[in-house]
Amino acid sequence: MLPEKKFRVVNQSLGTQPKIGPLPAEQIFPWLVITMGCIFGFYYMLNWGWLATLFASLWGCATWWFVSSNKSFLGKFVGTPRISRGYMQFISLINDSVQPKQRNNQKKVKRTKKIKKIN
């Protein structure tokens, strides 16, 4: 008889993103550069104080995380809906009171182009 094949238990962290706590590890170096740039720009050059420097640094790091994320922090947005063709008469929402008169007159009035001559 053939022996039964058993699955081996493997490390579940293989193939996942490296993390330091809840933060992705690939973001550490860019955040360090952003923070140092904010300290130099806002605290030393503009003399705005530590609170403004902290807010600018957090804003910069959050923006970088949002832009460069890979499915970890808003990396995937809601998928676009499937578009299908449909046939419906256009009804303007802006001039709704004028529309019924135009609909009745469209069948009766034949529109022609008039060309003005410039002398």
C-alpha atoms as a PDB file:
ATOM      1  CA  MET A   1       0.000   0.000   0.000  1.00  0.00           C
ATOM      2  CA  LEU A   2       0.999   3.578  -0.629  1.00  0.00           C
ATOM      3  CA  PRO A   3       1.484   5.784   2.412  1.00  0.00           C
ATOM      4  CA  GLU A   4      -0.918   8.720   2.738  1.00  0.00           C
ATOM      5  CA  LYS A   5       0.534  12.065   1.716  1.00  0.00           C
ATOM      6  CA  LYS A   6       0.233  14.666   4.444  1.00  0.00           C
ATOM      7  CA  PHE A   7       0.505  18.376   3.874  1.00  0.00           C
ATOM      8  CA  ARG A   8       3.342  20.075   5.635  1.00  0.00           C
ATOM      9  CA  VAL A   9       2.678  23.154   7.720  1.00  0.00           C
ATOM     10  CA  VAL A  10       4.466  26.143   6.221  1.00  0.00           C
ATOM     11  CA  ASN A  11       5.184  29.635   7.439  1.00  0.00           C
ATOM     12  CA  GLN A  12       2.101  31.776   6.774  1.00  0.00           C
ATOM     13  CA  SER A  13       4.140  34.961   6.583  1.00  0.00           C
ATOM     14  CA  LEU A  14       5.840  33.825   3.368  1.00  0.00           C
ATOM     15  CA  GLY A  15       4.768  35.978   0.451  1.00  0.00           C
ATOM     16  CA  THR A  16       3.329  38.767   2.597  1.00  0.00           C
ATOM     17  CA  GLN A  17       4.579  42.329   2.916  1.00  0.00           C
ATOM     18  CA  PRO A  18       7.167  42.955   5.615  1.00  0.00           C
ATOM     19  CA  LYS A  19       5.709  45.050   8.438  1.00  0.00           C
ATOM     20  CA  ILE A  20       6.880  46.807  11.551  1.00  0.00           C
ATOM     21  CA  GLY A  21       3.793  46.573  13.697  1.00  0.00           C
ATOM     22  CA  PRO A  22       0.856  47.846  11.633  1.00  0.00           C
ATOM     23  CA  LEU A  23       3.096  49.930   9.347  1.00  0.00           C
ATOM     24  CA  PRO A  24       4.528  48.581   6.077  1.00  0.00           C
ATOM     25  CA  ALA A  25       8.326  48.373   6.173  1.00  0.00           C
ATOM     26  CA  GLU A  26       8.827  49.808   2.678  1.00  0.00           C
ATOM     27  CA  GLN A  27       7.402  53.136   3.851  1.00  0.00           C
ATOM     28  CA  ILE A  28       9.985  53.763   6.591  1.00  0.00           C
ATOM     29  CA  PHE A  29      12.715  55.325   4.411  1.00  0.00           C
ATOM     30  CA  PRO A  30      10.389  57.639   2.409  1.00  0.00           C
ATOM     31  CA  TRP A  31       8.697  58.761   5.637  1.00  0.00           C
ATOM     32  CA  LEU A  32      12.096  59.520   7.140  1.00  0.00           C
ATOM     33  CA  VAL A  33      12.985  61.674   4.105  1.00  0.00           C
ATOM     34  CA  ILE A  34       9.599  63.451   4.228  1.00  0.00           C
ATOM     35  CA  THR A  35       9.919  64.104   7.976  1.00  0.00           C
ATOM     36  CA  MET A  36      13.469  65.457   7.660  1.00  0.00           C
ATOM     37  CA  GLY A  37      12.399  67.669   4.764  1.00  0.00           C
ATOM     38  CA  CYS A  38       9.477  69.039   6.788  1.00  0.00           C
ATOM     39  CA  ILE A  39      11.712  69.705   9.792  1.00  0.00           C
ATOM     40  CA  PHE A  40      14.198  71.554   7.608  1.00  0.00           C
ATOM     41  CA  GLY A  41      11.564  73.439   5.625  1.00  0.00           C
ATOM     42  CA  PHE A  42       8.912  74.294   8.183  1.00  0.00           C
ATOM     43  CA  TYR A  43      10.876  74.504  11.430  1.00  0.00           C
ATOM     44  CA  TYR A  44      14.248  75.903  10.374  1.00  0.00           C
ATOM     45  CA  MET A  45      13.453  77.893   7.224  1.00  0.00           C
ATOM     46  CA  LEU A  46       9.929  79.169   7.916  1.00  0.00           C
ATOM     47  CA  ASN A  47      10.141  79.170  11.755  1.00  0.00           C
ATOM     48  CA  TRP A  48       6.564  77.857  12.052  1.00  0.00           C
ATOM     49  CA  GLY A  49       7.152  75.822  15.213  1.00  0.00           C
ATOM     50  CA  TRP A  50       6.961  72.149  16.061  1.00  0.00           C
ATOM     51  CA  LEU A  51       3.183  71.803  15.825  1.00  0.00           C
ATOM     52  CA  ALA A  52       3.046  72.999  12.202  1.00  0.00           C
ATOM     53  CA  THR A  53       6.086  70.856  11.431  1.00  0.00           C
ATOM     54  CA  LEU A  54       4.379  67.814  12.942  1.00  0.00           C
ATOM     55  CA  PHE A  55       1.164  68.388  10.985  1.00  0.00           C
ATOM     56  CA  ALA A  56       3.060  68.931   7.727  1.00  0.00           C
ATOM     57  CA  SER A  57       5.109  65.806   8.337  1.00  0.00           C
ATOM     58  CA  LEU A  58       2.023  63.688   9.088  1.00  0.00           C
ATOM     59  CA  TRP A  59       0.274  65.085   6.027  1.00  0.00           C
ATOM     60  CA  GLY A  60       3.269  64.304   3.825  1.00  0.00           C
ATOM     61  CA  CYS A  61       3.642  60.769   5.184  1.00  0.00           C
ATOM     62  CA  ALA A  62      -0.086  60.038   4.818  1.00  0.00           C
ATOM     63  CA  THR A  63      -0.062  61.363   1.261  1.00  0.00           C
ATOM     64  CA  TRP A  64       2.942  59.227   0.378  1.00  0.00           C
ATOM     65  CA  TRP A  65       1.292  56.157   1.944  1.00  0.00           C
ATOM     66  CA  PHE A  66      -1.900  56.837  -0.006  1.00  0.00           C
ATOM     67  CA  VAL A  67      -0.110  57.329  -3.338  1.00  0.00           C
ATOM     68  CA  SER A  68       2.440  54.524  -3.133  1.00  0.00           C
ATOM     69  CA  SER A  69       0.435  51.849  -1.348  1.00  0.00           C
ATOM     70  CA  ASN A  70       0.116  48.383  -2.781  1.00  0.00           C
ATOM     71  CA  LYS A  71      -3.275  47.071  -1.648  1.00  0.00           C
ATOM     72  CA  SER A  72      -2.471  47.824   1.989  1.00  0.00           C
ATOM     73  CA  PHE A  73      -3.933  51.299   2.614  1.00  0.00           C
ATOM     74  CA  LEU A  74      -6.591  52.353   0.098  1.00  0.00           C
ATOM     75  CA  GLY A  75      -4.508  50.746  -2.634  1.00  0.00           C
ATOM     76  CA  LYS A  76      -7.523  49.301  -4.337  1.00  0.00           C
ATOM     77  CA  PHE A  77     -10.528  51.482  -4.889  1.00  0.00           C
ATOM     78  CA  VAL A  78     -14.058  50.347  -5.537  1.00  0.00           C
ATOM     79  CA  GLY A  79     -14.268  48.825  -8.972  1.00  0.00           C
ATOM     80  CA  THR A  80     -15.956  50.739 -11.738  1.00  0.00           C
ATOM     81  CA  PRO A  81     -19.445  49.579 -12.623  1.00  0.00           C
ATOM     82  CA  ARG A  82     -20.066  47.742 -15.835  1.00  0.00           C
ATOM     83  CA  ILE A  83     -21.412  50.107 -18.460  1.00  0.00           C
ATOM     84  CA  SER A  84     -24.118  48.893 -20.775  1.00  0.00           C
ATOM     85  CA  ARG A  85     -25.986  50.616 -23.554  1.00  0.00           C
ATOM     86  CA  GLY A  86     -29.454  51.895 -22.879  1.00  0.00           C
ATOM     87  CA  TYR A  87     -31.957  53.923 -24.832  1.00  0.00           C
ATOM     88  CA  MET A  88     -33.787  56.687 -23.045  1.00  0.00           C
ATOM     89  CA  GLN A  89     -34.924  60.138 -23.998  1.00  0.00           C
ATOM     90  CA  PHE A  90     -32.785  62.922 -22.580  1.00  0.00           C
ATOM     91  CA  ILE A  91     -34.569  65.052 -19.979  1.00  0.00           C
ATOM     92  CA  SER A  92     -32.709  68.103 -18.743  1.00  0.00           C
ATOM     93  CA  LEU A  93     -32.742  68.731 -15.006  1.00  0.00           C
ATOM     94  CA  ILE A  94     -31.872  72.403 -15.373  1.00  0.00           C
ATOM     95  CA  ASN A  95     -34.698  73.653 -17.578  1.00  0.00           C
ATOM     96  CA  ASP A  96     -37.381  71.148 -16.636  1.00  0.00           C
ATOM     97  CA  SER A  97     -40.239  73.656 -16.967  1.00  0.00           C
ATOM     98  CA  VAL A  98     -39.248  74.461 -20.572  1.00  0.00           C
ATOM     99  CA  GLN A  99     -38.865  70.840 -21.691  1.00  0.00           C
ATOM    100  CA  PRO A 100     -42.563  69.879 -22.202  1.00  0.00           C
ATOM    101  CA  LYS A 101     -43.089  72.810 -24.579  1.00  0.00           C
ATOM    102  CA  GLN A 102     -39.972  71.891 -26.552  1.00  0.00           C
ATOM    103  CA  ARG A 103     -41.008  68.252 -26.849  1.00  0.00           C
ATOM    104  CA  ASN A 104     -44.374  69.203 -28.365  1.00  0.00           C
ATOM    105  CA  ASN A 105     -42.845  71.726 -30.745  1.00  0.00           C
ATOM    106  CA  GLN A 106     -40.069  69.448 -31.992  1.00  0.00           C
ATOM    107  CA  LYS A 107     -42.453  67.389 -34.060  1.00  0.00           C
ATOM    108  CA  LYS A 108     -44.182  70.408 -35.603  1.00  0.00           C
ATOM    109  CA  VAL A 109     -41.319  72.825 -36.268  1.00  0.00           C
ATOM    110  CA  LYS A 110     -38.743  71.977 -38.876  1.00  0.00           C
ATOM    111  CA  ARG A 111     -35.457  73.639 -38.082  1.00  0.00           C
ATOM    112  CA  THR A 112     -33.304  75.074 -40.829  1.00  0.00           C
ATOM    113  CA  LYS A 113     -29.877  76.621 -40.725  1.00  0.00           C
ATOM    114  CA  LYS A 114     -29.593  80.242 -41.723  1.00  0.00           C
ATOM    115  CA  ILE A 115     -26.249  81.452 -42.950  1.00  0.00           C
ATOM    116  CA  LYS A 116     -25.489  85.122 -42.529  1.00  0.00           C
ATOM    117  CA  LYS A 117     -23.422  86.749 -45.213  1.00  0.00           C
ATOM    118  CA  ILE A 118     -20.720  89.100 -44.090  1.00  0.00           C
ATOM    119  CA  ASN A 119     -20.221  92.077 -46.433  1.00  0.00           C
END
